[in-house]
Amino acid sequence: MKDIKSLDLNLLKALEALLDERNVTRAAAKLGVTQPAMSGMLTRLRETFDDPLFVRSRHGMIPTPRAEALTAPVRQVICEISELIQPAIFDPASARLTYTIAATDYAFRAVAVPFIALLKQHAPQIRVSLVAIRDSSLQQQLERGEIDLALISPENSPPEMHARSLYEERYVCVVRETHPVVQQWPITPEQFCAMDHALGSYTGGGFYGVTDEALQPFGLQRQVTLSVQSFAVLPDILRASDMIAVLPSRLVKGIQGLAVLEPPIPIPGFTNSAVWHERTHRDSAHRWLRDLLFQICLRPCL
């Protein structure tokens, strides 16, 4: 049995960098060491774990099953060691750090906008990076610390992540405030379907959504003539046209020039959640930032 005294903890940082980069040169650059030094650490890692850990291929270095099994424990150990040397007390007023949030443009308006406003009051020196969410690589981004928190629906949350439901969202019908239909509302489902509809498609290019699913039991089909991937542009389109859109209520809250109306048929809403990795779960700064975001989401959307 190997003795822990024989393990240089610096080798764990080297192993983490190699797992992230899958390339000796890039891993060396990440740690600020020379390529020969990194090659030497890889040799020592192979001796320590009695395994090649990485094998070469045309596409770079491929981790062995042993290396893959070490990924989560190594990152957890590094995270816990990092916490040991961090100051125990977090002072928001003087804190200097960068916090990265990934989300759709809808979630940025619904959550990030009020979050930033409140954050500036309590922690003006904390920097926040808002980035587009990438479902296919979200788990890897959280594991590597490329993002700190993601705003996403529960069904799309990566496994083995911490998660918390933020709020239940409902859908509303939205038109420009001077649209003739405002004076006629409420209208029948048939009249609703006869209108010119715009749709926000998260994946882009779609002309079918949750509203169309809700119309099916009634044997009705609406006319969708515009599909927009960016939810943020829809309010401007609606203000400049006679189109109607069914949108999440928080997306249009407080926007001037729009009328918000109750749908003529029941349309199921959805839950928005926050997810984060174990590596930041106990960190005092990250806990404070998450609690601030949760506080924002407890406020009712009128």
C-alpha atoms as a PDB file:
ATOM      1  CA  MET A   1       0.000   0.000   0.000  1.00  0.00           C
ATOM      2  CA  LYS A   2       1.311   3.426  -0.953  1.00  0.00           C
ATOM      3  CA  ASP A   3       1.923   5.991   1.801  1.00  0.00           C
ATOM      4  CA  ILE A   4       0.310   9.420   1.408  1.00  0.00           C
ATOM      5  CA  LYS A   5       3.645  10.933   2.486  1.00  0.00           C
ATOM      6  CA  SER A   6       5.040   9.864  -0.872  1.00  0.00           C
ATOM      7  CA  LEU A   7       2.474  11.974  -2.767  1.00  0.00           C
ATOM      8  CA  ASP A   8       3.436  15.510  -3.732  1.00  0.00           C
ATOM      9  CA  LEU A   9       0.186  17.496  -3.611  1.00  0.00           C
ATOM     10  CA  ASN A  10       1.484  19.678  -6.451  1.00  0.00           C
ATOM     11  CA  LEU A  11       1.128  16.617  -8.649  1.00  0.00           C
ATOM     12  CA  LEU A  12      -2.636  16.752  -8.133  1.00  0.00           C
ATOM     13  CA  LYS A  13      -2.727  20.221  -9.683  1.00  0.00           C
ATOM     14  CA  ALA A  14      -0.716  18.857 -12.604  1.00  0.00           C
ATOM     15  CA  LEU A  15      -3.140  15.959 -12.983  1.00  0.00           C
ATOM     16  CA  GLU A  16      -6.127  18.320 -12.941  1.00  0.00           C
ATOM     17  CA  ALA A  17      -4.515  20.483 -15.641  1.00  0.00           C
ATOM     18  CA  LEU A  18      -3.791  17.416 -17.784  1.00  0.00           C
ATOM     19  CA  LEU A  19      -7.367  16.194 -17.370  1.00  0.00           C
ATOM     20  CA  ASP A  20      -8.659  19.602 -18.448  1.00  0.00           C
ATOM     21  CA  GLU A  21      -6.318  20.215 -21.363  1.00  0.00           C
ATOM     22  CA  ARG A  22      -5.501  16.680 -22.605  1.00  0.00           C
ATOM     23  CA  ASN A  23      -2.212  18.174 -23.808  1.00  0.00           C
ATOM     24  CA  VAL A  24       1.155  18.446 -22.010  1.00  0.00           C
ATOM     25  CA  THR A  25       2.108  21.798 -23.543  1.00  0.00           C
ATOM     26  CA  ARG A  26      -1.231  23.461 -22.749  1.00  0.00           C
ATOM     27  CA  ALA A  27      -1.282  21.973 -19.255  1.00  0.00           C
ATOM     28  CA  ALA A  28       2.221  23.355 -18.645  1.00  0.00           C
ATOM     29  CA  ALA A  29       1.115  26.801 -19.783  1.00  0.00           C
ATOM     30  CA  LYS A  30      -1.930  26.629 -17.514  1.00  0.00           C
ATOM     31  CA  LEU A  31       0.266  25.949 -14.481  1.00  0.00           C
ATOM     32  CA  GLY A  32       3.025  28.328 -15.551  1.00  0.00           C
ATOM     33  CA  VAL A  33       5.719  25.648 -15.827  1.00  0.00           C
ATOM     34  CA  THR A  34       7.868  24.447 -18.692  1.00  0.00           C
ATOM     35  CA  GLN A  35       6.871  21.609 -20.958  1.00  0.00           C
ATOM     36  CA  PRO A  36       9.758  19.387 -19.740  1.00  0.00           C
ATOM     37  CA  ALA A  37       8.700  20.035 -16.140  1.00  0.00           C
ATOM     38  CA  MET A  38       5.142  18.984 -16.940  1.00  0.00           C
ATOM     39  CA  SER A  39       6.406  15.869 -18.714  1.00  0.00           C
ATOM     40  CA  GLY A  40       8.402  15.051 -15.586  1.00  0.00           C
ATOM     41  CA  MET A  41       5.304  15.467 -13.403  1.00  0.00           C
ATOM     42  CA  LEU A  42       3.363  13.182 -15.728  1.00  0.00           C
ATOM     43  CA  THR A  43       6.070  10.557 -15.318  1.00  0.00           C
ATOM     44  CA  ARG A  44       5.849  10.865 -11.527  1.00  0.00           C
ATOM     45  CA  LEU A  45       2.046  10.672 -11.677  1.00  0.00           C
ATOM     46  CA  ARG A  46       2.278   7.452 -13.675  1.00  0.00           C
ATOM     47  CA  GLU A  47       4.627   6.004 -11.075  1.00  0.00           C
ATOM     48  CA  THR A  48       2.431   7.133  -8.200  1.00  0.00           C
ATOM     49  CA  PHE A  49      -0.788   5.677  -9.592  1.00  0.00           C
ATOM     50  CA  ASP A  50       0.884   2.747 -11.354  1.00  0.00           C
ATOM     51  CA  ASP A  51      -1.015   3.550 -14.547  1.00  0.00           C
ATOM     52  CA  PRO A  52      -0.225   5.297 -17.865  1.00  0.00           C
ATOM     53  CA  LEU A  53      -3.096   7.769 -17.086  1.00  0.00           C
ATOM     54  CA  PHE A  54      -2.978   9.166 -20.657  1.00  0.00           C
ATOM     55  CA  VAL A  55      -2.327   7.539 -24.023  1.00  0.00           C
ATOM     56  CA  ARG A  56      -1.612   9.328 -27.282  1.00  0.00           C
ATOM     57  CA  SER A  57      -4.006   9.364 -30.227  1.00  0.00           C
ATOM     58  CA  ARG A  58      -4.474  11.381 -33.418  1.00  0.00           C
ATOM     59  CA  HIS A  59      -6.754  13.724 -31.483  1.00  0.00           C
ATOM     60  CA  GLY A  60      -4.439  14.262 -28.529  1.00  0.00           C
ATOM     61  CA  MET A  61      -4.056  12.549 -25.185  1.00  0.00           C
ATOM     62  CA  ILE A  62      -6.847  10.211 -24.091  1.00  0.00           C
ATOM     63  CA  PRO A  63      -7.305   9.502 -20.365  1.00  0.00           C
ATOM     64  CA  THR A  64      -7.271   5.883 -19.263  1.00  0.00           C
ATOM     65  CA  PRO A  65     -10.151   4.484 -17.169  1.00  0.00           C
ATOM     66  CA  ARG A  66      -7.961   5.022 -14.091  1.00  0.00           C
ATOM     67  CA  ALA A  67      -7.486   8.697 -14.952  1.00  0.00           C
ATOM     68  CA  GLU A  68     -11.208   9.161 -15.568  1.00  0.00           C
ATOM     69  CA  ALA A  69     -11.976   7.567 -12.195  1.00  0.00           C
ATOM     70  CA  LEU A  70      -9.562  10.016 -10.534  1.00  0.00           C
ATOM     71  CA  THR A  71     -11.144  13.118 -12.096  1.00  0.00           C
ATOM     72  CA  ALA A  72     -13.875  13.835  -9.537  1.00  0.00           C
ATOM     73  CA  PRO A  73     -11.852  12.901  -6.399  1.00  0.00           C
ATOM     74  CA  VAL A  74      -8.847  14.982  -7.506  1.00  0.00           C
ATOM     75  CA  ARG A  75     -10.981  18.060  -8.182  1.00  0.00           C
ATOM     76  CA  GLN A  76     -12.751  17.625  -4.853  1.00  0.00           C
ATOM     77  CA  VAL A  77      -9.445  17.366  -2.955  1.00  0.00           C
ATOM     78  CA  ILE A  78      -8.069  20.479  -4.715  1.00  0.00           C
ATOM     79  CA  CYS A  79     -11.278  22.370  -3.968  1.00  0.00           C
ATOM     80  CA  GLU A  80     -11.130  21.451  -0.274  1.00  0.00           C
ATOM     81  CA  ILE A  81      -7.442  22.357  -0.027  1.00  0.00           C
ATOM     82  CA  SER A  82      -8.194  25.710  -1.689  1.00  0.00           C
ATOM     83  CA  GLU A  83     -10.914  26.360   0.885  1.00  0.00           C
ATOM     84  CA  LEU A  84      -8.422  25.729   3.700  1.00  0.00           C
ATOM     85  CA  ILE A  85      -6.295  28.684   2.656  1.00  0.00           C
ATOM     86  CA  GLN A  86      -9.175  31.041   1.881  1.00  0.00           C
ATOM     87  CA  PRO A  87     -10.145  33.655   4.468  1.00  0.00           C
ATOM     88  CA  ALA A  88     -12.988  32.407   6.659  1.00  0.00           C
ATOM     89  CA  ILE A  89     -14.867  35.732   6.614  1.00  0.00           C
ATOM     90  CA  PHE A  90     -16.379  37.123   3.426  1.00  0.00           C
ATOM     91  CA  ASP A  91     -16.908  40.883   3.257  1.00  0.00           C
ATOM     92  CA  PRO A  92     -19.109  41.814   0.261  1.00  0.00           C
ATOM     93  CA  ALA A  93     -18.245  45.512   0.472  1.00  0.00           C
ATOM     94  CA  SER A  94     -14.543  44.904  -0.148  1.00  0.00           C
ATOM     95  CA  ALA A  95     -14.661  41.600  -2.059  1.00  0.00           C
ATOM     96  CA  ARG A  96     -12.901  41.411  -5.412  1.00  0.00           C
ATOM     97  CA  LEU A  97     -13.762  38.381  -7.527  1.00  0.00           C
ATOM     98  CA  THR A  98     -15.380  37.451 -10.822  1.00  0.00           C
ATOM     99  CA  TYR A  99     -18.650  35.533 -10.820  1.00  0.00           C
ATOM    100  CA  THR A 100     -19.766  33.893 -14.074  1.00  0.00           C
ATOM    101  CA  ILE A 101     -23.429  33.108 -14.766  1.00  0.00           C
ATOM    102  CA  ALA A 102     -24.653  31.167 -17.815  1.00  0.00           C
ATOM    103  CA  ALA A 103     -28.237  31.519 -19.009  1.00  0.00           C
ATOM    104  CA  THR A 104     -30.552  32.312 -21.905  1.00  0.00           C
ATOM    105  CA  ASP A 105     -31.386  35.935 -22.669  1.00  0.00           C
ATOM    106  CA  TYR A 106     -34.811  35.368 -21.071  1.00  0.00           C
ATOM    107  CA  ALA A 107     -33.238  34.302 -17.768  1.00  0.00           C
ATOM    108  CA  PHE A 108     -30.832  37.239 -17.898  1.00  0.00           C
ATOM    109  CA  ARG A 109     -33.741  39.672 -18.023  1.00  0.00           C
ATOM    110  CA  ALA A 110     -35.840  37.755 -15.488  1.00  0.00           C
ATOM    111  CA  VAL A 111     -33.081  37.139 -12.927  1.00  0.00           C
ATOM    112  CA  ALA A 112     -29.732  38.685 -13.797  1.00  0.00           C
ATOM    113  CA  VAL A 113     -30.958  42.247 -14.335  1.00  0.00           C
ATOM    114  CA  PRO A 114     -32.435  42.671 -10.824  1.00  0.00           C
ATOM    115  CA  PHE A 115     -29.569  40.603  -9.375  1.00  0.00           C
ATOM    116  CA  ILE A 116     -26.936  42.984 -10.766  1.00  0.00           C
ATOM    117  CA  ALA A 117     -28.850  46.010  -9.492  1.00  0.00           C
ATOM    118  CA  LEU A 118     -28.926  44.636  -5.944  1.00  0.00           C
ATOM    119  CA  LEU A 119     -25.355  43.332  -6.118  1.00  0.00           C
ATOM    120  CA  LYS A 120     -24.016  46.804  -6.950  1.00  0.00           C
ATOM    121  CA  GLN A 121     -25.557  48.124  -3.749  1.00  0.00           C
ATOM    122  CA  HIS A 122     -23.799  45.592  -1.513  1.00  0.00           C
ATOM    123  CA  ALA A 123     -20.684  44.447  -3.388  1.00  0.00           C
ATOM    124  CA  PRO A 124     -19.681  47.094  -5.946  1.00  0.00           C
ATOM    125  CA  GLN A 125     -16.248  45.598  -6.666  1.00  0.00           C
ATOM    126  CA  ILE A 126     -17.444  42.119  -7.594  1.00  0.00           C
ATOM    127  CA  ARG A 127     -17.299  41.570 -11.350  1.00  0.00           C
ATOM    128  CA  VAL A 128     -20.046  39.546 -13.036  1.00  0.00           C
ATOM    129  CA  SER A 129     -19.680  37.802 -16.382  1.00  0.00           C
ATOM    130  CA  LEU A 130     -22.944  36.874 -18.146  1.00  0.00           C
ATOM    131  CA  VAL A 131     -22.419  34.241 -20.839  1.00  0.00           C
ATOM    132  CA  ALA A 132     -24.694  32.297 -23.166  1.00  0.00           C
ATOM    133  CA  ILE A 133     -25.568  28.853 -21.913  1.00  0.00           C
ATOM    134  CA  ARG A 134     -24.296  25.829 -23.851  1.00  0.00           C
ATOM    135  CA  ASP A 135     -26.337  22.771 -22.888  1.00  0.00           C
ATOM    136  CA  SER A 136     -23.914  20.308 -24.488  1.00  0.00           C
ATOM    137  CA  SER A 137     -20.922  21.388 -22.385  1.00  0.00           C
ATOM    138  CA  LEU A 138     -22.624  22.817 -19.285  1.00  0.00           C
ATOM    139  CA  GLN A 139     -21.491  20.069 -16.929  1.00  0.00           C
ATOM    140  CA  GLN A 140     -17.866  20.325 -18.067  1.00  0.00           C
ATOM    141  CA  GLN A 141     -17.944  24.125 -17.717  1.00  0.00           C
ATOM    142  CA  LEU A 142     -19.222  23.827 -14.146  1.00  0.00           C
ATOM    143  CA  GLU A 143     -16.659  21.153 -13.286  1.00  0.00           C
ATOM    144  CA  ARG A 144     -13.772  23.212 -14.664  1.00  0.00           C
ATOM    145  CA  GLY A 145     -14.909  26.419 -12.997  1.00  0.00           C
ATOM    146  CA  GLU A 146     -15.470  28.175 -16.325  1.00  0.00           C
ATOM    147  CA  ILE A 147     -18.903  29.148 -15.038  1.00  0.00           C
ATOM    148  CA  ASP A 148     -20.040  29.375 -11.423  1.00  0.00           C
ATOM    149  CA  LEU A 149     -23.806  29.111 -11.779  1.00  0.00           C
ATOM    150  CA  ALA A 150     -26.321  28.350 -14.523  1.00  0.00           C
ATOM    151  CA  LEU A 151     -29.966  29.335 -14.835  1.00  0.00           C
ATOM    152  CA  ILE A 152     -31.785  26.477 -16.495  1.00  0.00           C
ATOM    153  CA  SER A 153     -34.944  24.358 -16.362  1.00  0.00           C
ATOM    154  CA  PRO A 154     -34.822  21.375 -13.937  1.00  0.00           C
ATOM    155  CA  GLU A 155     -35.197  18.801 -16.715  1.00  0.00           C
ATOM    156  CA  ASN A 156     -32.047  20.139 -18.397  1.00  0.00           C
ATOM    157  CA  SER A 157     -29.937  20.271 -15.226  1.00  0.00           C
ATOM    158  CA  PRO A 158     -26.748  18.184 -15.400  1.00  0.00           C
ATOM    159  CA  PRO A 159     -26.628  15.206 -13.019  1.00  0.00           C
ATOM    160  CA  GLU A 160     -24.707  15.343  -9.736  1.00  0.00           C
ATOM    161  CA  MET A 161     -24.989  19.140  -9.501  1.00  0.00           C
ATOM    162  CA  HIS A 162     -26.466  21.175  -6.685  1.00  0.00           C
ATOM    163  CA  ALA A 163     -29.752  22.750  -7.744  1.00  0.00           C
ATOM    164  CA  ARG A 164     -32.488  24.978  -6.393  1.00  0.00           C
ATOM    165  CA  SER A 165     -35.809  25.964  -7.936  1.00  0.00           C
ATOM    166  CA  LEU A 166     -36.027  29.750  -8.207  1.00  0.00           C
ATOM    167  CA  TYR A 167     -39.619  30.408  -9.235  1.00  0.00           C
ATOM    168  CA  GLU A 168     -42.598  29.167 -11.221  1.00  0.00           C
ATOM    169  CA  GLU A 169     -43.093  31.098 -14.448  1.00  0.00           C
ATOM    170  CA  ARG A 170     -46.388  31.636 -16.263  1.00  0.00           C
ATOM    171  CA  TYR A 171     -47.117  32.597 -19.858  1.00  0.00           C
ATOM    172  CA  VAL A 172     -48.963  35.749 -20.951  1.00  0.00           C
ATOM    173  CA  CYS A 173     -50.134  37.150 -24.271  1.00  0.00           C
ATOM    174  CA  VAL A 174     -48.316  40.296 -25.358  1.00  0.00           C
ATOM    175  CA  VAL A 175     -49.204  42.916 -28.001  1.00  0.00           C
ATOM    176  CA  ARG A 176     -48.448  46.602 -28.454  1.00  0.00           C
ATOM    177  CA  GLU A 177     -50.527  48.695 -26.071  1.00  0.00           C
ATOM    178  CA  THR A 178     -52.375  50.437 -28.944  1.00  0.00           C
ATOM    179  CA  HIS A 179     -53.320  47.162 -30.655  1.00  0.00           C
ATOM    180  CA  PRO A 180     -57.090  47.028 -31.458  1.00  0.00           C
ATOM    181  CA  VAL A 181     -57.390  43.608 -29.819  1.00  0.00           C
ATOM    182  CA  VAL A 182     -56.690  45.109 -26.379  1.00  0.00           C
ATOM    183  CA  GLN A 183     -60.178  46.684 -26.351  1.00  0.00           C
ATOM    184  CA  GLN A 184     -61.754  43.380 -27.462  1.00  0.00           C
ATOM    185  CA  TRP A 185     -60.016  41.187 -24.855  1.00  0.00           C
ATOM    186  CA  PRO A 186     -60.842  38.536 -23.774  1.00  0.00           C
ATOM    187  CA  ILE A 187     -61.209  36.908 -27.168  1.00  0.00           C
ATOM    188  CA  THR A 188     -62.113  33.356 -28.152  1.00  0.00           C
ATOM    189  CA  PRO A 189     -59.448  30.707 -28.831  1.00  0.00           C
ATOM    190  CA  GLU A 190     -60.494  30.819 -32.508  1.00  0.00           C
ATOM    191  CA  GLN A 191     -59.922  34.578 -32.681  1.00  0.00           C
ATOM    192  CA  PHE A 192     -56.609  34.098 -30.917  1.00  0.00           C
ATOM    193  CA  CYS A 193     -55.471  31.539 -33.509  1.00  0.00           C
ATOM    194  CA  ALA A 194     -56.480  33.823 -36.383  1.00  0.00           C
ATOM    195  CA  MET A 195     -54.020  36.505 -35.255  1.00  0.00           C
ATOM    196  CA  ASP A 196     -50.473  36.875 -36.596  1.00  0.00           C
ATOM    197  CA  HIS A 197     -48.181  35.125 -34.080  1.00  0.00           C
ATOM    198  CA  ALA A 198     -44.494  35.500 -33.233  1.00  0.00           C
ATOM    199  CA  LEU A 199     -42.692  32.750 -31.358  1.00  0.00           C
ATOM    200  CA  GLY A 200     -39.508  32.677 -29.304  1.00  0.00           C
ATOM    201  CA  SER A 201     -37.572  29.507 -30.154  1.00  0.00           C
ATOM    202  CA  TYR A 202     -34.715  28.791 -27.743  1.00  0.00           C
ATOM    203  CA  THR A 203     -33.027  26.369 -30.157  1.00  0.00           C
ATOM    204  CA  GLY A 204     -33.740  28.610 -33.157  1.00  0.00           C
ATOM    205  CA  GLY A 205     -35.865  28.159 -36.245  1.00  0.00           C
ATOM    206  CA  GLY A 206     -38.841  26.461 -34.583  1.00  0.00           C
ATOM    207  CA  PHE A 207     -42.457  27.388 -35.356  1.00  0.00           C
ATOM    208  CA  TYR A 208     -44.067  25.107 -32.755  1.00  0.00           C
ATOM    209  CA  GLY A 209     -44.040  25.546 -29.004  1.00  0.00           C
ATOM    210  CA  VAL A 210     -45.871  25.029 -25.721  1.00  0.00           C
ATOM    211  CA  THR A 211     -48.801  27.178 -26.902  1.00  0.00           C
ATOM    212  CA  ASP A 212     -49.339  24.935 -29.913  1.00  0.00           C
ATOM    213  CA  GLU A 213     -49.323  21.889 -27.623  1.00  0.00           C
ATOM    214  CA  ALA A 214     -51.980  23.565 -25.456  1.00  0.00           C
ATOM    215  CA  LEU A 215     -54.138  24.228 -28.537  1.00  0.00           C
ATOM    216  CA  GLN A 216     -54.115  20.614 -29.733  1.00  0.00           C
ATOM    217  CA  PRO A 217     -56.851  19.311 -27.377  1.00  0.00           C
ATOM    218  CA  PHE A 218     -59.134  22.055 -28.753  1.00  0.00           C
ATOM    219  CA  GLY A 219     -58.433  20.979 -32.333  1.00  0.00           C
ATOM    220  CA  LEU A 220     -57.011  24.416 -33.078  1.00  0.00           C
ATOM    221  CA  GLN A 221     -53.874  25.624 -34.833  1.00  0.00           C
ATOM    222  CA  ARG A 222     -52.465  29.142 -34.750  1.00  0.00           C
ATOM    223  CA  GLN A 223     -50.639  30.993 -37.504  1.00  0.00           C
ATOM    224  CA  VAL A 224     -46.980  31.469 -36.534  1.00  0.00           C
ATOM    225  CA  THR A 225     -45.218  33.633 -39.126  1.00  0.00           C
ATOM    226  CA  LEU A 226     -42.118  34.654 -37.157  1.00  0.00           C
ATOM    227  CA  SER A 227     -39.623  32.585 -35.174  1.00  0.00           C
ATOM    228  CA  VAL A 228     -36.986  34.435 -33.139  1.00  0.00           C
ATOM    229  CA  GLN A 229     -34.156  32.742 -31.241  1.00  0.00           C
ATOM    230  CA  SER A 230     -33.490  35.791 -29.084  1.00  0.00           C
ATOM    231  CA  PHE A 231     -36.380  36.466 -26.714  1.00  0.00           C
ATOM    232  CA  ALA A 232     -34.967  39.918 -25.983  1.00  0.00           C
ATOM    233  CA  VAL A 233     -35.796  41.277 -29.452  1.00  0.00           C
ATOM    234  CA  LEU A 234     -39.460  40.247 -29.368  1.00  0.00           C
ATOM    235  CA  PRO A 235     -40.749  43.271 -27.376  1.00  0.00           C
ATOM    236  CA  ASP A 236     -39.365  45.619 -30.043  1.00  0.00           C
ATOM    237  CA  ILE A 237     -40.971  43.557 -32.807  1.00  0.00           C
ATOM    238  CA  LEU A 238     -44.336  43.563 -31.055  1.00  0.00           C
ATOM    239  CA  ARG A 239     -44.258  47.333 -30.477  1.00  0.00           C
ATOM    240  CA  ALA A 240     -43.689  47.875 -34.209  1.00  0.00           C
ATOM    241  CA  SER A 241     -46.313  45.467 -35.552  1.00  0.00           C
ATOM    242  CA  ASP A 242     -49.780  43.949 -35.074  1.00  0.00           C
ATOM    243  CA  MET A 243     -48.282  40.606 -34.061  1.00  0.00           C
ATOM    244  CA  ILE A 244     -49.036  38.768 -30.838  1.00  0.00           C
ATOM    245  CA  ALA A 245     -46.675  36.552 -28.835  1.00  0.00           C
ATOM    246  CA  VAL A 246     -47.063  34.229 -25.869  1.00  0.00           C
ATOM    247  CA  LEU A 247     -44.126  34.975 -23.580  1.00  0.00           C
ATOM    248  CA  PRO A 248     -42.926  34.329 -20.027  1.00  0.00           C
ATOM    249  CA  SER A 249     -44.347  37.037 -17.773  1.00  0.00           C
ATOM    250  CA  ARG A 250     -40.980  38.045 -16.305  1.00  0.00           C
ATOM    251  CA  LEU A 251     -39.596  38.737 -19.761  1.00  0.00           C
ATOM    252  CA  VAL A 252     -42.015  41.606 -20.348  1.00  0.00           C
ATOM    253  CA  LYS A 253     -42.405  42.910 -16.810  1.00  0.00           C
ATOM    254  CA  GLY A 254     -42.084  46.706 -16.755  1.00  0.00           C
ATOM    255  CA  ILE A 255     -41.531  47.133 -20.514  1.00  0.00           C
ATOM    256  CA  GLN A 256     -43.224  50.253 -21.824  1.00  0.00           C
ATOM    257  CA  GLY A 257     -45.497  50.221 -24.851  1.00  0.00           C
ATOM    258  CA  LEU A 258     -46.799  46.665 -24.401  1.00  0.00           C
ATOM    259  CA  ALA A 259     -50.123  45.263 -23.203  1.00  0.00           C
ATOM    260  CA  VAL A 260     -49.987  42.058 -21.172  1.00  0.00           C
ATOM    261  CA  LEU A 261     -53.114  39.893 -21.389  1.00  0.00           C
ATOM    262  CA  GLU A 262     -54.242  36.554 -19.997  1.00  0.00           C
ATOM    263  CA  PRO A 263     -54.214  33.728 -22.592  1.00  0.00           C
ATOM    264  CA  PRO A 264     -57.635  32.558 -23.845  1.00  0.00           C
ATOM    265  CA  ILE A 265     -56.662  28.942 -23.070  1.00  0.00           C
ATOM    266  CA  PRO A 266     -54.649  27.409 -20.193  1.00  0.00           C
ATOM    267  CA  ILE A 267     -50.934  27.245 -21.078  1.00  0.00           C
ATOM    268  CA  PRO A 268     -48.655  25.314 -18.684  1.00  0.00           C
ATOM    269  CA  GLY A 269     -45.822  27.352 -17.216  1.00  0.00           C
ATOM    270  CA  PHE A 270     -42.367  26.175 -16.254  1.00  0.00           C
ATOM    271  CA  THR A 271     -39.824  26.225 -13.436  1.00  0.00           C
ATOM    272  CA  ASN A 272     -36.542  28.108 -13.574  1.00  0.00           C
ATOM    273  CA  SER A 273     -33.664  26.718 -11.505  1.00  0.00           C
ATOM    274  CA  ALA A 274     -30.114  27.532 -10.503  1.00  0.00           C
ATOM    275  CA  VAL A 275     -27.408  24.842 -10.670  1.00  0.00           C
ATOM    276  CA  TRP A 276     -23.832  24.886  -9.384  1.00  0.00           C
ATOM    277  CA  HIS A 277     -20.955  22.505  -8.737  1.00  0.00           C
ATOM    278  CA  GLU A 278     -19.792  20.946  -5.504  1.00  0.00           C
ATOM    279  CA  ARG A 279     -16.471  22.769  -5.819  1.00  0.00           C
ATOM    280  CA  THR A 280     -18.177  26.090  -4.953  1.00  0.00           C
ATOM    281  CA  HIS A 281     -20.967  24.746  -2.758  1.00  0.00           C
ATOM    282  CA  ARG A 282     -19.298  25.592   0.576  1.00  0.00           C
ATOM    283  CA  ASP A 283     -17.356  28.673  -0.504  1.00  0.00           C
ATOM    284  CA  SER A 284     -18.514  31.648   1.582  1.00  0.00           C
ATOM    285  CA  ALA A 285     -18.386  34.145  -1.308  1.00  0.00           C
ATOM    286  CA  HIS A 286     -20.338  31.881  -3.631  1.00  0.00           C
ATOM    287  CA  ARG A 287     -22.884  31.099  -0.914  1.00  0.00           C
ATOM    288  CA  TRP A 288     -23.435  34.826  -0.364  1.00  0.00           C
ATOM    289  CA  LEU A 289     -23.878  35.459  -4.099  1.00  0.00           C
ATOM    290  CA  ARG A 290     -26.322  32.566  -4.469  1.00  0.00           C
ATOM    291  CA  ASP A 291     -28.347  33.749  -1.475  1.00  0.00           C
ATOM    292  CA  LEU A 292     -28.572  37.216  -3.023  1.00  0.00           C
ATOM    293  CA  LEU A 293     -29.862  35.708  -6.260  1.00  0.00           C
ATOM    294  CA  PHE A 294     -32.380  33.572  -4.344  1.00  0.00           C
ATOM    295  CA  GLN A 295     -33.559  36.697  -2.543  1.00  0.00           C
ATOM    296  CA  ILE A 296     -34.281  38.359  -5.891  1.00  0.00           C
ATOM    297  CA  CYS A 297     -36.321  35.392  -7.082  1.00  0.00           C
ATOM    298  CA  LEU A 298     -38.530  35.391  -3.994  1.00  0.00           C
ATOM    299  CA  ARG A 299     -39.896  38.778  -5.055  1.00  0.00           C
ATOM    300  CA  PRO A 300     -43.291  38.422  -6.791  1.00  0.00           C
ATOM    301  CA  CYS A 301     -43.633  39.207 -10.478  1.00  0.00           C
ATOM    302  CA  LEU A 302     -46.682  41.419 -10.776  1.00  0.00           C
END
